[in-house]
Amino acid sequence: MKNYNYLIKKASFLRNIPQGRSCHISFILYKKTILSVGFNLPYKSHPLAKKFHFRFFSQHAELDAITNFNPNFSELKYCTMVNIRFRKDNGQIAMSKPCLQCQELLKKFGIVEIYYTTNSGTIERL
């Protein structure tokens, strides 16, 4: 497992940006360089949300990171996705494993190296 604790520190500065029930932040990385950042956007939709059957067609952080990425989506196959979630009530790190729709989306775009935070504060690989 790789050490992505530096991303948790960066994400902690961004955790008040999303306005949803929880704060999910997704990073797309090439090596250790951040290429894109995405947030959960419960009141915003995207055509890909409908295509991949997202609940209420909301825009999950993974989808937001992909749509914010450089237009050359073929480069995503060389990238890593790291998901971090903070609980809104106490700011603690929580489970951010991609849902089944996001897993399908990431696979479709070629992202196979995916990491996420757990309720115990560790980072696991999908």
N, C-alpha and C. Protein backbone atom coordinates (compact mmCIF):
# COMPACT_ATOMS: atom_id res chain seq x y z
N MET A 1 0.84 -1.19 0.00
CA MET A 1 0.00 0.00 0.00
C MET A 1 0.88 1.25 0.00
N LYS A 2 0.50 2.20 -0.79
CA LYS A 2 1.24 3.45 -0.88
C LYS A 2 0.82 4.39 0.25
N ASN A 3 1.68 5.35 0.54
CA ASN A 3 1.39 6.32 1.59
C ASN A 3 0.80 7.58 0.95
N TYR A 4 -0.48 7.80 1.16
CA TYR A 4 -1.16 8.98 0.62
C TYR A 4 -1.59 9.92 1.74
N ASN A 5 -0.91 9.89 2.87
CA ASN A 5 -1.27 10.76 3.98
C ASN A 5 -1.15 12.24 3.62
N TYR A 6 -0.25 12.57 2.68
CA TYR A 6 -0.14 13.96 2.26
C TYR A 6 -1.42 14.45 1.61
N LEU A 7 -2.17 13.53 0.98
CA LEU A 7 -3.45 13.92 0.37
C LEU A 7 -4.51 14.18 1.44
N ILE A 8 -4.46 13.42 2.53
CA ILE A 8 -5.41 13.66 3.61
C ILE A 8 -5.20 15.07 4.16
N LYS A 9 -3.96 15.47 4.28
CA LYS A 9 -3.66 16.82 4.77
C LYS A 9 -4.20 17.87 3.79
N LYS A 10 -3.98 17.66 2.50
CA LYS A 10 -4.49 18.61 1.49
C LYS A 10 -6.02 18.63 1.51
N ALA A 11 -6.62 17.43 1.62
CA ALA A 11 -8.08 17.33 1.61
C ALA A 11 -8.70 18.00 2.82
N SER A 12 -8.00 17.99 3.95
CA SER A 12 -8.57 18.60 5.15
C SER A 12 -8.79 20.10 4.96
N PHE A 13 -8.01 20.74 4.10
CA PHE A 13 -8.21 22.16 3.81
C PHE A 13 -9.39 22.39 2.88
N LEU A 14 -9.80 21.34 2.15
CA LEU A 14 -10.88 21.45 1.17
C LEU A 14 -12.21 20.92 1.68
N ARG A 15 -12.22 20.36 2.87
CA ARG A 15 -13.40 19.59 3.30
C ARG A 15 -14.66 20.40 3.51
N ASN A 16 -14.60 21.70 3.58
CA ASN A 16 -15.81 22.50 3.76
C ASN A 16 -16.41 22.97 2.44
N ILE A 17 -15.78 22.61 1.33
CA ILE A 17 -16.28 23.05 0.03
C ILE A 17 -17.56 22.32 -0.38
N PRO A 18 -17.61 20.98 -0.35
CA PRO A 18 -18.86 20.32 -0.77
C PRO A 18 -19.99 20.64 0.20
N GLN A 19 -21.19 20.70 -0.31
CA GLN A 19 -22.34 21.04 0.51
C GLN A 19 -23.25 19.85 0.78
N GLY A 20 -22.82 18.64 0.52
CA GLY A 20 -23.65 17.46 0.70
C GLY A 20 -23.67 16.96 2.14
N ARG A 21 -24.25 15.77 2.33
CA ARG A 21 -24.33 15.15 3.66
C ARG A 21 -22.96 14.76 4.18
N SER A 22 -22.07 14.45 3.27
CA SER A 22 -20.71 14.08 3.66
C SER A 22 -19.74 14.73 2.69
N CYS A 23 -18.51 14.71 3.03
CA CYS A 23 -17.50 15.37 2.21
C CYS A 23 -16.59 14.31 1.58
N HIS A 24 -16.85 14.00 0.33
CA HIS A 24 -15.99 13.09 -0.43
C HIS A 24 -15.14 13.94 -1.35
N ILE A 25 -13.85 13.66 -1.34
CA ILE A 25 -12.92 14.34 -2.24
C ILE A 25 -12.13 13.27 -2.98
N SER A 26 -12.11 13.37 -4.31
CA SER A 26 -11.37 12.42 -5.13
C SER A 26 -10.22 13.14 -5.82
N PHE A 27 -9.07 12.50 -5.78
CA PHE A 27 -7.89 13.03 -6.44
C PHE A 27 -7.50 12.08 -7.57
N ILE A 28 -7.18 12.63 -8.72
CA ILE A 28 -6.58 11.85 -9.80
C ILE A 28 -5.11 12.26 -9.83
N LEU A 29 -4.25 11.26 -9.72
CA LEU A 29 -2.82 11.49 -9.62
C LEU A 29 -2.07 10.79 -10.74
N TYR A 30 -0.99 11.40 -11.15
CA TYR A 30 0.01 10.72 -11.96
C TYR A 30 1.27 10.76 -11.11
N LYS A 31 1.69 9.60 -10.65
CA LYS A 31 2.74 9.46 -9.65
C LYS A 31 2.28 10.24 -8.42
N LYS A 32 2.95 11.30 -8.02
CA LYS A 32 2.49 12.08 -6.86
C LYS A 32 1.95 13.44 -7.24
N THR A 33 1.77 13.66 -8.54
CA THR A 33 1.26 14.94 -9.02
C THR A 33 -0.26 14.90 -9.13
N ILE A 34 -0.93 15.86 -8.51
CA ILE A 34 -2.39 15.95 -8.58
C ILE A 34 -2.77 16.56 -9.92
N LEU A 35 -3.54 15.81 -10.71
CA LEU A 35 -3.99 16.29 -12.01
C LEU A 35 -5.42 16.81 -11.98
N SER A 36 -6.22 16.29 -11.04
CA SER A 36 -7.61 16.70 -10.96
C SER A 36 -8.14 16.42 -9.56
N VAL A 37 -9.10 17.24 -9.15
CA VAL A 37 -9.77 17.07 -7.86
C VAL A 37 -11.27 17.12 -8.12
N GLY A 38 -12.01 16.25 -7.42
CA GLY A 38 -13.46 16.24 -7.55
C GLY A 38 -14.13 16.17 -6.19
N PHE A 39 -15.33 16.71 -6.12
CA PHE A 39 -16.12 16.72 -4.89
C PHE A 39 -17.48 16.09 -5.16
N ASN A 40 -18.11 15.58 -4.09
CA ASN A 40 -19.49 15.12 -4.24
C ASN A 40 -20.38 16.35 -4.41
N LEU A 41 -21.22 16.31 -5.41
CA LEU A 41 -22.10 17.43 -5.73
C LEU A 41 -23.53 16.91 -5.79
N PRO A 42 -24.23 16.89 -4.66
CA PRO A 42 -25.55 16.25 -4.62
C PRO A 42 -26.62 16.96 -5.43
N TYR A 43 -26.43 18.23 -5.76
CA TYR A 43 -27.47 18.95 -6.47
C TYR A 43 -27.10 19.25 -7.91
N LYS A 44 -26.04 18.62 -8.38
CA LYS A 44 -25.59 18.83 -9.76
C LYS A 44 -25.57 17.48 -10.46
N SER A 45 -25.94 17.47 -11.69
CA SER A 45 -25.96 16.23 -12.45
C SER A 45 -25.02 16.34 -13.64
N HIS A 46 -24.81 15.20 -14.27
CA HIS A 46 -23.97 15.13 -15.45
C HIS A 46 -24.51 13.99 -16.32
N PRO A 47 -24.42 14.09 -17.64
CA PRO A 47 -24.93 13.00 -18.49
C PRO A 47 -24.34 11.62 -18.14
N LEU A 48 -23.10 11.58 -17.69
CA LEU A 48 -22.50 10.29 -17.31
C LEU A 48 -23.17 9.71 -16.08
N ALA A 49 -23.74 10.55 -15.21
CA ALA A 49 -24.44 10.05 -14.03
C ALA A 49 -25.64 9.21 -14.46
N LYS A 50 -26.34 9.66 -15.47
CA LYS A 50 -27.49 8.90 -15.97
C LYS A 50 -27.01 7.62 -16.65
N LYS A 51 -25.96 7.71 -17.44
CA LYS A 51 -25.45 6.56 -18.17
C LYS A 51 -25.00 5.44 -17.23
N PHE A 52 -24.40 5.81 -16.09
CA PHE A 52 -23.89 4.81 -15.15
C PHE A 52 -24.85 4.57 -13.99
N HIS A 53 -26.10 5.06 -14.10
CA HIS A 53 -27.19 4.77 -13.16
C HIS A 53 -26.91 5.23 -11.73
N PHE A 54 -26.36 6.43 -11.57
CA PHE A 54 -26.15 6.98 -10.25
C PHE A 54 -27.49 7.27 -9.60
N ARG A 55 -27.58 7.07 -8.31
CA ARG A 55 -28.80 7.35 -7.57
C ARG A 55 -29.09 8.85 -7.65
N PHE A 56 -30.27 9.21 -8.04
CA PHE A 56 -30.70 10.59 -8.18
C PHE A 56 -29.85 11.37 -9.19
N PHE A 57 -29.03 10.68 -9.96
CA PHE A 57 -28.19 11.30 -10.97
C PHE A 57 -27.28 12.39 -10.39
N SER A 58 -26.92 12.24 -9.12
CA SER A 58 -26.01 13.20 -8.51
C SER A 58 -24.60 12.96 -9.05
N GLN A 59 -23.75 13.92 -8.83
CA GLN A 59 -22.38 13.82 -9.32
C GLN A 59 -21.47 13.44 -8.16
N HIS A 60 -21.03 12.21 -8.15
CA HIS A 60 -20.11 11.74 -7.12
C HIS A 60 -18.73 12.35 -7.35
N ALA A 61 -17.92 12.34 -6.31
CA ALA A 61 -16.59 12.95 -6.38
C ALA A 61 -15.74 12.32 -7.48
N GLU A 62 -15.86 11.02 -7.68
CA GLU A 62 -15.08 10.34 -8.72
C GLU A 62 -15.45 10.87 -10.10
N LEU A 63 -16.76 11.02 -10.34
CA LEU A 63 -17.24 11.55 -11.62
C LEU A 63 -16.81 13.01 -11.79
N ASP A 64 -16.89 13.78 -10.72
CA ASP A 64 -16.48 15.18 -10.78
C ASP A 64 -14.99 15.30 -11.10
N ALA A 65 -14.17 14.44 -10.51
CA ALA A 65 -12.72 14.47 -10.80
C ALA A 65 -12.45 14.13 -12.26
N ILE A 66 -13.18 13.15 -12.79
CA ILE A 66 -12.99 12.77 -14.19
C ILE A 66 -13.42 13.90 -15.11
N THR A 67 -14.56 14.54 -14.83
CA THR A 67 -15.03 15.62 -15.70
C THR A 67 -14.15 16.86 -15.59
N ASN A 68 -13.42 17.01 -14.49
CA ASN A 68 -12.48 18.13 -14.33
C ASN A 68 -11.11 17.83 -14.92
N PHE A 69 -10.91 16.60 -15.39
CA PHE A 69 -9.62 16.16 -15.90
C PHE A 69 -9.37 16.73 -17.29
N ASN A 70 -8.09 16.77 -17.68
CA ASN A 70 -7.67 17.14 -19.02
C ASN A 70 -8.55 16.41 -20.04
N PRO A 71 -8.95 17.07 -21.10
CA PRO A 71 -9.84 16.43 -22.08
C PRO A 71 -9.33 15.12 -22.68
N ASN A 72 -8.07 14.81 -22.58
CA ASN A 72 -7.55 13.57 -23.14
C ASN A 72 -7.75 12.43 -22.14
N PHE A 73 -8.96 11.87 -22.14
CA PHE A 73 -9.32 10.83 -21.17
C PHE A 73 -8.49 9.57 -21.32
N SER A 74 -7.84 9.35 -22.45
CA SER A 74 -7.04 8.15 -22.63
C SER A 74 -5.85 8.12 -21.66
N GLU A 75 -5.45 9.27 -21.16
CA GLU A 75 -4.34 9.33 -20.20
C GLU A 75 -4.73 8.84 -18.81
N LEU A 76 -6.02 8.70 -18.55
CA LEU A 76 -6.47 8.24 -17.23
C LEU A 76 -5.96 6.85 -16.89
N LYS A 77 -5.69 6.03 -17.89
CA LYS A 77 -5.22 4.66 -17.62
C LYS A 77 -3.86 4.64 -16.94
N TYR A 78 -3.16 5.75 -16.96
CA TYR A 78 -1.86 5.84 -16.28
C TYR A 78 -1.98 6.46 -14.89
N CYS A 79 -3.19 6.78 -14.50
CA CYS A 79 -3.41 7.54 -13.27
C CYS A 79 -3.94 6.68 -12.13
N THR A 80 -3.88 7.26 -10.95
CA THR A 80 -4.38 6.65 -9.73
C THR A 80 -5.49 7.54 -9.18
N MET A 81 -6.53 6.90 -8.62
CA MET A 81 -7.62 7.63 -7.97
C MET A 81 -7.48 7.40 -6.47
N VAL A 82 -7.57 8.48 -5.70
CA VAL A 82 -7.56 8.38 -4.23
C VAL A 82 -8.79 9.11 -3.72
N ASN A 83 -9.65 8.39 -2.99
CA ASN A 83 -10.86 8.96 -2.41
C ASN A 83 -10.67 9.17 -0.92
N ILE A 84 -11.08 10.33 -0.46
CA ILE A 84 -11.00 10.66 0.96
C ILE A 84 -12.36 11.21 1.38
N ARG A 85 -12.83 10.76 2.53
CA ARG A 85 -14.12 11.24 3.04
C ARG A 85 -13.95 11.72 4.47
N PHE A 86 -14.59 12.84 4.76
CA PHE A 86 -14.66 13.37 6.12
C PHE A 86 -16.12 13.39 6.53
N ARG A 87 -16.40 12.98 7.75
CA ARG A 87 -17.75 13.08 8.29
C ARG A 87 -18.07 14.54 8.56
N LYS A 88 -19.27 14.97 8.21
CA LYS A 88 -19.67 16.36 8.43
C LYS A 88 -19.87 16.67 9.91
N ASP A 89 -20.29 15.67 10.70
CA ASP A 89 -20.60 15.94 12.10
C ASP A 89 -19.37 16.13 12.98
N ASN A 90 -18.29 15.39 12.70
CA ASN A 90 -17.12 15.51 13.58
C ASN A 90 -15.79 15.68 12.83
N GLY A 91 -15.81 15.69 11.50
CA GLY A 91 -14.60 15.91 10.73
C GLY A 91 -13.64 14.73 10.67
N GLN A 92 -14.06 13.59 11.21
CA GLN A 92 -13.20 12.40 11.20
C GLN A 92 -13.19 11.76 9.81
N ILE A 93 -12.09 11.08 9.50
CA ILE A 93 -11.98 10.34 8.24
C ILE A 93 -12.95 9.17 8.29
N ALA A 94 -13.59 8.90 7.16
CA ALA A 94 -14.61 7.85 7.09
C ALA A 94 -14.44 7.04 5.81
N MET A 95 -15.27 6.01 5.68
CA MET A 95 -15.25 5.11 4.53
C MET A 95 -15.57 5.87 3.24
N SER A 96 -14.71 5.70 2.25
CA SER A 96 -14.94 6.36 0.96
C SER A 96 -14.76 5.40 -0.21
N LYS A 97 -15.03 4.13 0.04
CA LYS A 97 -14.94 3.13 -1.03
C LYS A 97 -15.91 3.51 -2.14
N PRO A 98 -15.46 3.52 -3.39
CA PRO A 98 -16.36 3.88 -4.48
C PRO A 98 -17.56 2.94 -4.56
N CYS A 99 -18.73 3.52 -4.84
CA CYS A 99 -19.93 2.72 -5.02
C CYS A 99 -19.78 1.88 -6.30
N LEU A 100 -20.70 0.98 -6.51
CA LEU A 100 -20.62 0.10 -7.69
C LEU A 100 -20.66 0.90 -9.00
N GLN A 101 -21.46 1.97 -9.03
CA GLN A 101 -21.53 2.79 -10.24
C GLN A 101 -20.19 3.48 -10.51
N CYS A 102 -19.56 3.97 -9.44
CA CYS A 102 -18.26 4.63 -9.62
C CYS A 102 -17.19 3.62 -10.01
N GLN A 103 -17.26 2.42 -9.45
CA GLN A 103 -16.30 1.40 -9.83
C GLN A 103 -16.42 1.08 -11.32
N GLU A 104 -17.64 1.01 -11.81
CA GLU A 104 -17.88 0.76 -13.24
C GLU A 104 -17.35 1.94 -14.07
N LEU A 105 -17.61 3.15 -13.61
CA LEU A 105 -17.14 4.36 -14.29
C LEU A 105 -15.61 4.38 -14.37
N LEU A 106 -14.94 4.11 -13.25
CA LEU A 106 -13.48 4.14 -13.21
C LEU A 106 -12.89 3.07 -14.13
N LYS A 107 -13.51 1.91 -14.13
CA LYS A 107 -13.06 0.83 -15.02
C LYS A 107 -13.21 1.25 -16.48
N LYS A 108 -14.32 1.87 -16.81
CA LYS A 108 -14.59 2.31 -18.18
C LYS A 108 -13.53 3.32 -18.66
N PHE A 109 -13.08 4.18 -17.76
CA PHE A 109 -12.07 5.19 -18.11
C PHE A 109 -10.65 4.68 -17.92
N GLY A 110 -10.50 3.43 -17.52
CA GLY A 110 -9.18 2.81 -17.45
C GLY A 110 -8.42 3.00 -16.15
N ILE A 111 -9.06 3.58 -15.14
CA ILE A 111 -8.38 3.77 -13.86
C ILE A 111 -8.49 2.47 -13.06
N VAL A 112 -7.37 1.82 -12.86
CA VAL A 112 -7.40 0.52 -12.15
C VAL A 112 -6.75 0.60 -10.78
N GLU A 113 -5.96 1.62 -10.54
CA GLU A 113 -5.33 1.77 -9.24
C GLU A 113 -6.16 2.78 -8.43
N ILE A 114 -6.94 2.24 -7.47
CA ILE A 114 -7.90 3.04 -6.72
C ILE A 114 -7.68 2.81 -5.23
N TYR A 115 -7.56 3.90 -4.48
CA TYR A 115 -7.38 3.85 -3.04
C TYR A 115 -8.50 4.65 -2.38
N TYR A 116 -8.83 4.29 -1.14
CA TYR A 116 -9.90 4.98 -0.42
C TYR A 116 -9.65 4.90 1.08
N THR A 117 -10.20 5.88 1.80
CA THR A 117 -10.07 5.88 3.25
C THR A 117 -11.11 4.94 3.86
N THR A 118 -10.79 4.45 5.06
CA THR A 118 -11.70 3.57 5.81
C THR A 118 -12.13 4.28 7.09
N ASN A 119 -13.11 3.69 7.78
CA ASN A 119 -13.58 4.26 9.04
C ASN A 119 -12.48 4.28 10.10
N SER A 120 -11.49 3.40 9.98
CA SER A 120 -10.41 3.36 10.96
C SER A 120 -9.30 4.37 10.63
N GLY A 121 -9.47 5.13 9.54
CA GLY A 121 -8.49 6.15 9.19
C GLY A 121 -7.35 5.67 8.31
N THR A 122 -7.42 4.42 7.87
CA THR A 122 -6.38 3.89 6.99
C THR A 122 -6.79 4.10 5.53
N ILE A 123 -5.82 3.88 4.66
CA ILE A 123 -6.08 3.95 3.22
C ILE A 123 -5.88 2.55 2.65
N GLU A 124 -6.91 2.05 1.96
CA GLU A 124 -6.90 0.70 1.38
C GLU A 124 -6.96 0.79 -0.13
N ARG A 125 -6.55 -0.29 -0.77
CA ARG A 125 -6.65 -0.37 -2.23
C ARG A 125 -7.85 -1.21 -2.61
N LEU A 126 -8.57 -0.76 -3.62
CA LEU A 126 -9.74 -1.48 -4.12
C LEU A 126 -9.30 -2.66 -4.93
